[in-house]
Amino acid sequence: MISVTDKAKERIINLRIEEGKSENHNIRVSVKGGGCSGLMYDLGFDDQINSVDQVFEDKGVKILVDKKSLLYLLGTTLDFSDGLNGKGFQFINPNASRTCGCGESFSV
């Protein structure tokens, strides 16, 4: 399961409106090689659900994850911080053994 906090849900809804996306655009979360820790998160809108996707829904937000990325993301919570030191979307990933300072890459 991948979950979203209330702040992340609110920001996703606002971004969908700002970017002119329809409610058919879901959040796609994936993991790609790169970054200073070896793996990077990729987050965006997608209106296609592929046959290899796992679909999660939390607080009315549908999250699409391909099977390969799912191994790295199970149990992750997507959060959003907009405070003075806020970094935007943040991944709270129990599978990550190390994360970089910016929080955008990790290793397992």
PDB file of N, CA and C in Angstrom:
ATOM      1  N   MET A   1       0.840  -1.194   0.000  1.00  0.00           N
ATOM      2  CA  MET A   1       0.000   0.000   0.000  1.00  0.00           C
ATOM      3  C   MET A   1       0.877   1.247   0.000  1.00  0.00           C
ATOM      4  N   ILE A   2       0.459   2.232  -0.724  1.00  0.00           N
ATOM      5  CA  ILE A   2       1.082   3.551  -0.707  1.00  0.00           C
ATOM      6  C   ILE A   2      -0.005   4.520  -0.253  1.00  0.00           C
ATOM      7  N   SER A   3       0.323   5.370   0.684  1.00  0.00           N
ATOM      8  CA  SER A   3      -0.682   6.281   1.224  1.00  0.00           C
ATOM      9  C   SER A   3      -0.254   7.733   1.024  1.00  0.00           C
ATOM     10  N   VAL A   4      -1.208   8.630   1.194  1.00  0.00           N
ATOM     11  CA  VAL A   4      -0.943  10.064   1.082  1.00  0.00           C
ATOM     12  C   VAL A   4      -1.449  10.757   2.344  1.00  0.00           C
ATOM     13  N   THR A   5      -0.735  11.782   2.753  1.00  0.00           N
ATOM     14  CA  THR A   5      -1.199  12.582   3.881  1.00  0.00           C
ATOM     15  C   THR A   5      -2.247  13.572   3.378  1.00  0.00           C
ATOM     16  N   ASP A   6      -2.940  14.211   4.312  1.00  0.00           N
ATOM     17  CA  ASP A   6      -3.933  15.209   3.936  1.00  0.00           C
ATOM     18  C   ASP A   6      -3.294  16.369   3.173  1.00  0.00           C
ATOM     19  N   LYS A   7      -2.098  16.795   3.596  1.00  0.00           N
ATOM     20  CA  LYS A   7      -1.417  17.896   2.904  1.00  0.00           C
ATOM     21  C   LYS A   7      -1.041  17.512   1.483  1.00  0.00           C
ATOM     22  N   ALA A   8      -0.584  16.271   1.288  1.00  0.00           N
ATOM     23  CA  ALA A   8      -0.235  15.808  -0.055  1.00  0.00           C
ATOM     24  C   ALA A   8      -1.489  15.739  -0.931  1.00  0.00           C
ATOM     25  N   LYS A   9      -2.584  15.255  -0.381  1.00  0.00           N
ATOM     26  CA  LYS A   9      -3.839  15.184  -1.136  1.00  0.00           C
ATOM     27  C   LYS A   9      -4.262  16.573  -1.599  1.00  0.00           C
ATOM     28  N   GLU A  10      -4.224  17.537  -0.691  1.00  0.00           N
ATOM     29  CA  GLU A  10      -4.617  18.901  -1.007  1.00  0.00           C
ATOM     30  C   GLU A  10      -3.740  19.479  -2.121  1.00  0.00           C
ATOM     31  N   ARG A  11      -2.429  19.252  -2.030  1.00  0.00           N
ATOM     32  CA  ARG A  11      -1.510  19.785  -3.043  1.00  0.00           C
ATOM     33  C   ARG A  11      -1.707  19.094  -4.393  1.00  0.00           C
ATOM     34  N   ILE A  12      -1.972  17.801  -4.389  1.00  0.00           N
ATOM     35  CA  ILE A  12      -2.220  17.065  -5.632  1.00  0.00           C
ATOM     36  C   ILE A  12      -3.455  17.620  -6.329  1.00  0.00           C
ATOM     37  N   ILE A  13      -4.525  17.854  -5.567  1.00  0.00           N
ATOM     38  CA  ILE A  13      -5.755  18.400  -6.139  1.00  0.00           C
ATOM     39  C   ILE A  13      -5.500  19.781  -6.724  1.00  0.00           C
ATOM     40  N   ASN A  14      -4.770  20.630  -5.990  1.00  0.00           N
ATOM     41  CA  ASN A  14      -4.465  21.979  -6.477  1.00  0.00           C
ATOM     42  C   ASN A  14      -3.586  21.939  -7.728  1.00  0.00           C
ATOM     43  N   LEU A  15      -2.586  21.067  -7.746  1.00  0.00           N
ATOM     44  CA  LEU A  15      -1.719  20.949  -8.922  1.00  0.00           C
ATOM     45  C   LEU A  15      -2.487  20.462 -10.139  1.00  0.00           C
ATOM     46  N   ARG A  16      -3.389  19.525  -9.922  1.00  0.00           N
ATOM     47  CA  ARG A  16      -4.202  19.006 -11.037  1.00  0.00           C
ATOM     48  C   ARG A  16      -4.988  20.153 -11.674  1.00  0.00           C
ATOM     49  N   ILE A  17      -5.550  21.019 -10.856  1.00  0.00           N
ATOM     50  CA  ILE A  17      -6.302  22.173 -11.357  1.00  0.00           C
ATOM     51  C   ILE A  17      -5.366  23.156 -12.048  1.00  0.00           C
ATOM     52  N   GLU A  18      -4.243  23.499 -11.395  1.00  0.00           N
ATOM     53  CA  GLU A  18      -3.285  24.458 -11.953  1.00  0.00           C
ATOM     54  C   GLU A  18      -2.738  24.000 -13.301  1.00  0.00           C
ATOM     55  N   GLU A  19      -2.529  22.702 -13.466  1.00  0.00           N
ATOM     56  CA  GLU A  19      -1.965  22.168 -14.701  1.00  0.00           C
ATOM     57  C   GLU A  19      -3.032  21.806 -15.731  1.00  0.00           C
ATOM     58  N   GLY A  20      -4.300  22.067 -15.405  1.00  0.00           N
ATOM     59  CA  GLY A  20      -5.380  21.809 -16.348  1.00  0.00           C
ATOM     60  C   GLY A  20      -5.636  20.334 -16.610  1.00  0.00           C
ATOM     61  N   LYS A  21      -5.318  19.491 -15.647  1.00  0.00           N
ATOM     62  CA  LYS A  21      -5.534  18.046 -15.781  1.00  0.00           C
ATOM     63  C   LYS A  21      -6.948  17.705 -15.342  1.00  0.00           C
ATOM     64  N   SER A  22      -7.500  16.671 -15.947  1.00  0.00           N
ATOM     65  CA  SER A  22      -8.838  16.234 -15.564  1.00  0.00           C
ATOM     66  C   SER A  22      -8.742  15.290 -14.366  1.00  0.00           C
ATOM     67  N   GLU A  23      -9.892  14.924 -13.825  1.00  0.00           N
ATOM     68  CA  GLU A  23      -9.906  13.992 -12.699  1.00  0.00           C
ATOM     69  C   GLU A  23      -9.510  12.586 -13.135  1.00  0.00           C
ATOM     70  N   ASN A  24      -9.391  12.352 -14.441  1.00  0.00           N
ATOM     71  CA  ASN A  24      -8.910  11.071 -14.957  1.00  0.00           C
ATOM     72  C   ASN A  24      -7.393  10.950 -14.845  1.00  0.00           C
ATOM     73  N   HIS A  25      -6.726  12.045 -14.519  1.00  0.00           N
ATOM     74  CA  HIS A  25      -5.277  12.022 -14.335  1.00  0.00           C
ATOM     75  C   HIS A  25      -4.973  11.618 -12.891  1.00  0.00           C
ATOM     76  N   ASN A  26      -4.339  10.474 -12.760  1.00  0.00           N
ATOM     77  CA  ASN A  26      -3.963   9.951 -11.454  1.00  0.00           C
ATOM     78  C   ASN A  26      -2.500  10.261 -11.191  1.00  0.00           C
ATOM     79  N   ILE A  27      -2.058   9.983  -9.992  1.00  0.00           N
ATOM     80  CA  ILE A  27      -0.651  10.185  -9.639  1.00  0.00           C
ATOM     81  C   ILE A  27       0.115   8.909  -9.972  1.00  0.00           C
ATOM     82  N   ARG A  28       1.184   9.058 -10.739  1.00  0.00           N
ATOM     83  CA  ARG A  28       2.073   7.930 -11.023  1.00  0.00           C
ATOM     84  C   ARG A  28       3.356   8.140 -10.226  1.00  0.00           C
ATOM     85  N   VAL A  29       3.706   7.121  -9.437  1.00  0.00           N
ATOM     86  CA  VAL A  29       4.942   7.139  -8.661  1.00  0.00           C
ATOM     87  C   VAL A  29       5.809   5.996  -9.170  1.00  0.00           C
ATOM     88  N   SER A  30       7.060   6.293  -9.467  1.00  0.00           N
ATOM     89  CA  SER A  30       7.970   5.245  -9.907  1.00  0.00           C
ATOM     90  C   SER A  30       9.362   5.498  -9.337  1.00  0.00           C
ATOM     91  N   VAL A  31      10.195   4.488  -9.480  1.00  0.00           N
ATOM     92  CA  VAL A  31      11.575   4.555  -9.022  1.00  0.00           C
ATOM     93  C   VAL A  31      12.465   4.345 -10.235  1.00  0.00           C
ATOM     94  N   LYS A  32      13.460   5.227 -10.381  1.00  0.00           N
ATOM     95  CA  LYS A  32      14.406   5.141 -11.490  1.00  0.00           C
ATOM     96  C   LYS A  32      15.820   5.184 -10.937  1.00  0.00           C
ATOM     97  N   GLY A  33      16.746   4.634 -11.680  1.00  0.00           N
ATOM     98  CA  GLY A  33      18.145   4.701 -11.287  1.00  0.00           C
ATOM     99  C   GLY A  33      18.662   6.120 -11.418  1.00  0.00           C
ATOM    100  N   GLY A  34      19.528   6.532 -10.469  1.00  0.00           N
ATOM    101  CA  GLY A  34      20.124   7.857 -10.526  1.00  0.00           C
ATOM    102  C   GLY A  34      20.165   8.513  -9.168  1.00  0.00           C
ATOM    103  N   GLY A  35      20.546   9.762  -9.158  1.00  0.00           N
ATOM    104  CA  GLY A  35      20.649  10.512  -7.912  1.00  0.00           C
ATOM    105  C   GLY A  35      21.893  10.144  -7.143  1.00  0.00           C
ATOM    106  N   CYS A  36      22.171  10.869  -6.106  1.00  0.00           N
ATOM    107  CA  CYS A  36      23.405  10.654  -5.351  1.00  0.00           C
ATOM    108  C   CYS A  36      23.357   9.400  -4.483  1.00  0.00           C
ATOM    109  N   SER A  37      22.165   8.835  -4.266  1.00  0.00           N
ATOM    110  CA  SER A  37      22.075   7.610  -3.460  1.00  0.00           C
ATOM    111  C   SER A  37      21.786   6.366  -4.297  1.00  0.00           C
ATOM    112  N   GLY A  38      21.624   6.521  -5.616  1.00  0.00           N
ATOM    113  CA  GLY A  38      21.448   5.368  -6.489  1.00  0.00           C
ATOM    114  C   GLY A  38      20.078   5.202  -7.088  1.00  0.00           C
ATOM    115  N   LEU A  39      19.017   5.578  -6.378  1.00  0.00           N
ATOM    116  CA  LEU A  39      17.650   5.465  -6.874  1.00  0.00           C
ATOM    117  C   LEU A  39      16.935   6.792  -6.664  1.00  0.00           C
ATOM    118  N   MET A  40      16.068   7.139  -7.607  1.00  0.00           N
ATOM    119  CA  MET A  40      15.325   8.400  -7.522  1.00  0.00           C
ATOM    120  C   MET A  40      13.832   8.148  -7.651  1.00  0.00           C
ATOM    121  N   TYR A  41      13.054   8.968  -6.963  1.00  0.00           N
ATOM    122  CA  TYR A  41      11.603   8.941  -7.094  1.00  0.00           C
ATOM    123  C   TYR A  41      11.196   9.757  -8.313  1.00  0.00           C
ATOM    124  N   ASP A  42      10.152   9.318  -8.995  1.00  0.00           N
ATOM    125  CA  ASP A  42       9.583  10.072 -10.103  1.00  0.00           C
ATOM    126  C   ASP A  42       8.092  10.173  -9.842  1.00  0.00           C
ATOM    127  N   LEU A  43       7.567  11.378  -9.928  1.00  0.00           N
ATOM    128  CA  LEU A  43       6.178  11.648  -9.565  1.00  0.00           C
ATOM    129  C   LEU A  43       5.554  12.507 -10.652  1.00  0.00           C
ATOM    130  N   GLY A  44       4.373  12.136 -11.109  1.00  0.00           N
ATOM    131  CA  GLY A  44       3.699  12.933 -12.126  1.00  0.00           C
ATOM    132  C   GLY A  44       2.266  12.478 -12.323  1.00  0.00           C
ATOM    133  N   PHE A  45       1.557  13.196 -13.199  1.00  0.00           N
ATOM    134  CA  PHE A  45       0.186  12.846 -13.526  1.00  0.00           C
ATOM    135  C   PHE A  45       0.174  11.918 -14.730  1.00  0.00           C
ATOM    136  N   ASP A  46      -0.769  10.990 -14.749  1.00  0.00           N
ATOM    137  CA  ASP A  46      -0.912  10.059 -15.867  1.00  0.00           C
ATOM    138  C   ASP A  46      -2.383   9.676 -15.996  1.00  0.00           C
ATOM    139  N   ASP A  47      -2.890   9.711 -17.227  1.00  0.00           N
ATOM    140  CA  ASP A  47      -4.290   9.327 -17.438  1.00  0.00           C
ATOM    141  C   ASP A  47      -4.406   7.913 -18.009  1.00  0.00           C
ATOM    142  N   GLN A  48      -3.312   7.184 -18.048  1.00  0.00           N
ATOM    143  CA  GLN A  48      -3.305   5.803 -18.538  1.00  0.00           C
ATOM    144  C   GLN A  48      -2.976   4.841 -17.404  1.00  0.00           C
ATOM    145  N   ILE A  49      -3.725   3.757 -17.326  1.00  0.00           N
ATOM    146  CA  ILE A  49      -3.413   2.690 -16.385  1.00  0.00           C
ATOM    147  C   ILE A  49      -2.936   1.512 -17.216  1.00  0.00           C
ATOM    148  N   ASN A  50      -1.687   1.113 -17.030  1.00  0.00           N
ATOM    149  CA  ASN A  50      -1.089   0.023 -17.796  1.00  0.00           C
ATOM    150  C   ASN A  50      -1.378  -1.326 -17.146  1.00  0.00           C
ATOM    151  N   SER A  51      -1.244  -2.379 -17.930  1.00  0.00           N
ATOM    152  CA  SER A  51      -1.528  -3.726 -17.419  1.00  0.00           C
ATOM    153  C   SER A  51      -0.555  -4.136 -16.318  1.00  0.00           C
ATOM    154  N   VAL A  52       0.629  -3.529 -16.257  1.00  0.00           N
ATOM    155  CA  VAL A  52       1.616  -3.874 -15.225  1.00  0.00           C
ATOM    156  C   VAL A  52       1.505  -2.978 -13.993  1.00  0.00           C
ATOM    157  N   ASP A  53       0.516  -2.104 -13.963  1.00  0.00           N
ATOM    158  CA  ASP A  53       0.363  -1.165 -12.847  1.00  0.00           C
ATOM    159  C   ASP A  53      -0.412  -1.780 -11.692  1.00  0.00           C
ATOM    160  N   GLN A  54       0.019  -1.423 -10.503  1.00  0.00           N
ATOM    161  CA  GLN A  54      -0.747  -1.674  -9.284  1.00  0.00           C
ATOM    162  C   GLN A  54      -1.420  -0.346  -8.961  1.00  0.00           C
ATOM    163  N   VAL A  55      -2.695  -0.372  -8.642  1.00  0.00           N
ATOM    164  CA  VAL A  55      -3.438   0.851  -8.353  1.00  0.00           C
ATOM    165  C   VAL A  55      -3.821   0.863  -6.876  1.00  0.00           C
ATOM    166  N   PHE A  56      -3.447   1.934  -6.201  1.00  0.00           N
ATOM    167  CA  PHE A  56      -3.811   2.139  -4.799  1.00  0.00           C
ATOM    168  C   PHE A  56      -4.681   3.376  -4.729  1.00  0.00           C
ATOM    169  N   GLU A  57      -5.582   3.411  -3.761  1.00  0.00           N
ATOM    170  CA  GLU A  57      -6.377   4.613  -3.549  1.00  0.00           C
ATOM    171  C   GLU A  57      -6.382   4.933  -2.068  1.00  0.00           C
ATOM    172  N   ASP A  58      -6.036   6.179  -1.772  1.00  0.00           N
ATOM    173  CA  ASP A  58      -6.033   6.643  -0.386  1.00  0.00           C
ATOM    174  C   ASP A  58      -6.574   8.061  -0.364  1.00  0.00           C
ATOM    175  N   LYS A  59      -7.554   8.297   0.478  1.00  0.00           N
ATOM    176  CA  LYS A  59      -8.178   9.615   0.629  1.00  0.00           C
ATOM    177  C   LYS A  59      -8.712  10.146  -0.704  1.00  0.00           C
ATOM    178  N   GLY A  60      -9.155   9.243  -1.583  1.00  0.00           N
ATOM    179  CA  GLY A  60      -9.701   9.650  -2.864  1.00  0.00           C
ATOM    180  C   GLY A  60      -8.666   9.910  -3.943  1.00  0.00           C
ATOM    181  N   VAL A  61      -7.397   9.696  -3.644  1.00  0.00           N
ATOM    182  CA  VAL A  61      -6.318   9.889  -4.614  1.00  0.00           C
ATOM    183  C   VAL A  61      -5.881   8.520  -5.127  1.00  0.00           C
ATOM    184  N   LYS A  62      -5.939   8.335  -6.450  1.00  0.00           N
ATOM    185  CA  LYS A  62      -5.469   7.085  -7.049  1.00  0.00           C
ATOM    186  C   LYS A  62      -3.985   7.212  -7.360  1.00  0.00           C
ATOM    187  N   ILE A  63      -3.247   6.193  -6.955  1.00  0.00           N
ATOM    188  CA  ILE A  63      -1.794   6.166  -7.138  1.00  0.00           C
ATOM    189  C   ILE A  63      -1.453   4.959  -8.000  1.00  0.00           C
ATOM    190  N   LEU A  64      -0.751   5.199  -9.101  1.00  0.00           N
ATOM    191  CA  LEU A  64      -0.347   4.145 -10.024  1.00  0.00           C
ATOM    192  C   LEU A  64       1.132   3.845  -9.817  1.00  0.00           C
ATOM    193  N   VAL A  65       1.455   2.559  -9.705  1.00  0.00           N
ATOM    194  CA  VAL A  65       2.845   2.138  -9.511  1.00  0.00           C
ATOM    195  C   VAL A  65       3.093   0.909 -10.376  1.00  0.00           C
ATOM    196  N   ASP A  66       4.171   0.944 -11.188  1.00  0.00           N
ATOM    197  CA  ASP A  66       4.505  -0.245 -11.967  1.00  0.00           C
ATOM    198  C   ASP A  66       5.084  -1.301 -11.034  1.00  0.00           C
ATOM    199  N   LYS A  67       5.015  -2.567 -11.451  1.00  0.00           N
ATOM    200  CA  LYS A  67       5.402  -3.673 -10.569  1.00  0.00           C
ATOM    201  C   LYS A  67       6.858  -3.598 -10.130  1.00  0.00           C
ATOM    202  N   LYS A  68       7.748  -3.148 -11.001  1.00  0.00           N
ATOM    203  CA  LYS A  68       9.162  -3.047 -10.641  1.00  0.00           C
ATOM    204  C   LYS A  68       9.378  -2.022  -9.513  1.00  0.00           C
ATOM    205  N   SER A  69       8.737  -0.872  -9.642  1.00  0.00           N
ATOM    206  CA  SER A  69       8.874   0.179  -8.629  1.00  0.00           C
ATOM    207  C   SER A  69       8.214  -0.200  -7.315  1.00  0.00           C
ATOM    208  N   LEU A  70       7.170  -1.015  -7.406  1.00  0.00           N
ATOM    209  CA  LEU A  70       6.414  -1.394  -6.213  1.00  0.00           C
ATOM    210  C   LEU A  70       7.295  -2.049  -5.163  1.00  0.00           C
ATOM    211  N   LEU A  71       8.287  -2.816  -5.597  1.00  0.00           N
ATOM    212  CA  LEU A  71       9.196  -3.477  -4.654  1.00  0.00           C
ATOM    213  C   LEU A  71       9.894  -2.474  -3.739  1.00  0.00           C
ATOM    214  N   TYR A  72      10.181  -1.293  -4.263  1.00  0.00           N
ATOM    215  CA  TYR A  72      10.875  -0.257  -3.498  1.00  0.00           C
ATOM    216  C   TYR A  72       9.923   0.650  -2.720  1.00  0.00           C
ATOM    217  N   LEU A  73       8.652   0.646  -3.092  1.00  0.00           N
ATOM    218  CA  LEU A  73       7.719   1.648  -2.560  1.00  0.00           C
ATOM    219  C   LEU A  73       6.675   1.128  -1.587  1.00  0.00           C
ATOM    220  N   LEU A  74       6.578  -0.175  -1.390  1.00  0.00           N
ATOM    221  CA  LEU A  74       5.554  -0.699  -0.477  1.00  0.00           C
ATOM    222  C   LEU A  74       5.682  -0.079   0.910  1.00  0.00           C
ATOM    223  N   GLY A  75       4.577   0.403   1.425  1.00  0.00           N
ATOM    224  CA  GLY A  75       4.562   1.003   2.751  1.00  0.00           C
ATOM    225  C   GLY A  75       4.924   2.474   2.774  1.00  0.00           C
ATOM    226  N   THR A  76       5.180   3.063   1.611  1.00  0.00           N
ATOM    227  CA  THR A  76       5.594   4.466   1.534  1.00  0.00           C
ATOM    228  C   THR A  76       4.404   5.399   1.727  1.00  0.00           C
ATOM    229  N   THR A  77       4.672   6.521   2.367  1.00  0.00           N
ATOM    230  CA  THR A  77       3.679   7.582   2.511  1.00  0.00           C
ATOM    231  C   THR A  77       4.176   8.804   1.754  1.00  0.00           C
ATOM    232  N   LEU A  78       3.304   9.376   0.934  1.00  0.00           N
ATOM    233  CA  LEU A  78       3.614  10.598   0.208  1.00  0.00           C
ATOM    234  C   LEU A  78       3.106  11.767   1.036  1.00  0.00           C
ATOM    235  N   ASP A  79       4.012  12.693   1.356  1.00  0.00           N
ATOM    236  CA  ASP A  79       3.680  13.850   2.175  1.00  0.00           C
ATOM    237  C   ASP A  79       4.022  15.110   1.395  1.00  0.00           C
ATOM    238  N   PHE A  80       3.553  16.246   1.877  1.00  0.00           N
ATOM    239  CA  PHE A  80       3.892  17.535   1.276  1.00  0.00           C
ATOM    240  C   PHE A  80       4.191  18.515   2.389  1.00  0.00           C
ATOM    241  N   SER A  81       5.306  19.220   2.245  1.00  0.00           N
ATOM    242  CA  SER A  81       5.690  20.221   3.230  1.00  0.00           C
ATOM    243  C   SER A  81       5.819  21.566   2.536  1.00  0.00           C
ATOM    244  N   ASP A  82       5.166  22.569   3.098  1.00  0.00           N
ATOM    245  CA  ASP A  82       5.238  23.907   2.504  1.00  0.00           C
ATOM    246  C   ASP A  82       5.696  24.954   3.510  1.00  0.00           C
ATOM    247  N   GLY A  83       6.364  24.511   4.564  1.00  0.00           N
ATOM    248  CA  GLY A  83       6.846  25.435   5.581  1.00  0.00           C
ATOM    249  C   GLY A  83       8.084  26.192   5.123  1.00  0.00           C
ATOM    250  N   LEU A  84       8.703  26.917   6.027  1.00  0.00           N
ATOM    251  CA  LEU A  84       9.890  27.694   5.690  1.00  0.00           C
ATOM    252  C   LEU A  84      11.009  26.826   5.132  1.00  0.00           C
ATOM    253  N   ASN A  85      11.156  25.641   5.662  1.00  0.00           N
ATOM    254  CA  ASN A  85      12.172  24.715   5.171  1.00  0.00           C
ATOM    255  C   ASN A  85      11.565  23.625   4.303  1.00  0.00           C
ATOM    256  N   GLY A  86      10.352  23.866   3.830  1.00  0.00           N
ATOM    257  CA  GLY A  86       9.636  22.860   3.046  1.00  0.00           C
ATOM    258  C   GLY A  86      10.357  22.512   1.756  1.00  0.00           C
ATOM    259  N   LYS A  87      10.238  21.253   1.383  1.00  0.00           N
ATOM    260  CA  LYS A  87      10.901  20.763   0.187  1.00  0.00           C
ATOM    261  C   LYS A  87       9.895  20.320  -0.868  1.00  0.00           C
ATOM    262  N   GLY A  88       8.613  20.541  -0.658  1.00  0.00           N
ATOM    263  CA  GLY A  88       7.614  20.039  -1.587  1.00  0.00           C
ATOM    264  C   GLY A  88       7.186  18.642  -1.191  1.00  0.00           C
ATOM    265  N   PHE A  89       7.004  17.781  -2.201  1.00  0.00           N
ATOM    266  CA  PHE A  89       6.597  16.408  -1.913  1.00  0.00           C
ATOM    267  C   PHE A  89       7.761  15.644  -1.298  1.00  0.00           C
ATOM    268  N   GLN A  90       7.425  14.843  -0.293  1.00  0.00           N
ATOM    269  CA  GLN A  90       8.415  14.039   0.405  1.00  0.00           C
ATOM    270  C   GLN A  90       7.915  12.609   0.488  1.00  0.00           C
ATOM    271  N   PHE A  91       8.833  11.668   0.332  1.00  0.00           N
ATOM    272  CA  PHE A  91       8.519  10.251   0.417  1.00  0.00           C
ATOM    273  C   PHE A  91       9.014   9.711   1.746  1.00  0.00           C
ATOM    274  N   ILE A  92       8.107   9.194   2.540  1.00  0.00           N
ATOM    275  CA  ILE A  92       8.474   8.543   3.797  1.00  0.00           C
ATOM    276  C   ILE A  92       8.469   7.054   3.493  1.00  0.00           C
ATOM    277  N   ASN A  93       9.662   6.529   3.217  1.00  0.00           N
ATOM    278  CA  ASN A  93       9.810   5.183   2.684  1.00  0.00           C
ATOM    279  C   ASN A  93      10.507   4.281   3.694  1.00  0.00           C
ATOM    280  N   PRO A  94       9.784   3.312   4.269  1.00  0.00           N
ATOM    281  CA  PRO A  94      10.391   2.426   5.261  1.00  0.00           C
ATOM    282  C   PRO A  94      11.418   1.466   4.653  1.00  0.00           C
ATOM    283  N   ASN A  95      11.451   1.356   3.328  1.00  0.00           N
ATOM    284  CA  ASN A  95      12.386   0.459   2.657  1.00  0.00           C
ATOM    285  C   ASN A  95      13.745   1.102   2.406  1.00  0.00           C
ATOM    286  N   ALA A  96      13.825   2.419   2.516  1.00  0.00           N
ATOM    287  CA  ALA A  96      15.064   3.138   2.235  1.00  0.00           C
ATOM    288  C   ALA A  96      16.031   3.002   3.406  1.00  0.00           C
ATOM    289  N   SER A  97      17.219   2.503   3.109  1.00  0.00           N
ATOM    290  CA  SER A  97      18.224   2.395   4.166  1.00  0.00           C
ATOM    291  C   SER A  97      19.035   3.675   4.282  1.00  0.00           C
ATOM    292  N   ARG A  98      19.057   4.459   3.184  1.00  0.00           N
ATOM    293  CA  ARG A  98      19.801   5.715   3.186  1.00  0.00           C
ATOM    294  C   ARG A  98      19.128   6.667   2.209  1.00  0.00           C
ATOM    295  N   THR A  99      19.028   7.937   2.573  1.00  0.00           N
ATOM    296  CA  THR A  99      18.510   8.958   1.667  1.00  0.00           C
ATOM    297  C   THR A  99      19.523  10.082   1.576  1.00  0.00           C
ATOM    298  N   CYS A 100      19.472  10.816   0.466  1.00  0.00           N
ATOM    299  CA  CYS A 100      20.387  11.947   0.324  1.00  0.00           C
ATOM    300  C   CYS A 100      19.810  13.156   1.059  1.00  0.00           C
ATOM    301  N   GLY A 101      20.567  14.200   1.167  1.00  0.00           N
ATOM    302  CA  GLY A 101      20.149  15.391   1.884  1.00  0.00           C
ATOM    303  C   GLY A 101      18.923  16.063   1.293  1.00  0.00           C
ATOM    304  N   CYS A 102      18.776  15.992  -0.028  1.00  0.00           N
ATOM    305  CA  CYS A 102      17.626  16.645  -0.665  1.00  0.00           C
ATOM    306  C   CYS A 102      16.365  15.804  -0.562  1.00  0.00           C
ATOM    307  N   GLY A 103      16.499  14.516  -0.209  1.00  0.00           N
ATOM    308  CA  GLY A 103      15.336  13.652  -0.066  1.00  0.00           C
ATOM    309  C   GLY A 103      14.782  13.112  -1.366  1.00  0.00           C
ATOM    310  N   GLU A 104      15.453  13.394  -2.484  1.00  0.00           N
ATOM    311  CA  GLU A 104      14.953  12.947  -3.776  1.00  0.00           C
ATOM    312  C   GLU A 104      15.551  11.631  -4.239  1.00  0.00           C
ATOM    313  N   SER A 105      16.594  11.168  -3.576  1.00  0.00           N
ATOM    314  CA  SER A 105      17.152   9.869  -3.948  1.00  0.00           C
ATOM    315  C   SER A 105      17.378   9.038  -2.690  1.00  0.00           C
ATOM    316  N   PHE A 106      17.498   7.720  -2.912  1.00  0.00           N
ATOM    317  CA  PHE A 106      17.615   6.806  -1.768  1.00  0.00           C
ATOM    318  C   PHE A 106      18.295   5.533  -2.218  1.00  0.00           C
ATOM    319  N   SER A 107      18.634   4.696  -1.255  1.00  0.00           N
ATOM    320  CA  SER A 107      19.152   3.364  -1.548  1.00  0.00           C
ATOM    321  C   SER A 107      18.484   2.388  -0.593  1.00  0.00           C
ATOM    322  N   VAL A 108      18.515   1.111  -0.970  1.00  0.00           N
ATOM    323  CA  VAL A 108      17.912   0.075  -0.124  1.00  0.00           C
ATOM    324  C   VAL A 108      18.962  -0.921   0.301  1.00  0.00           C
TER     325      VAL A 108
END
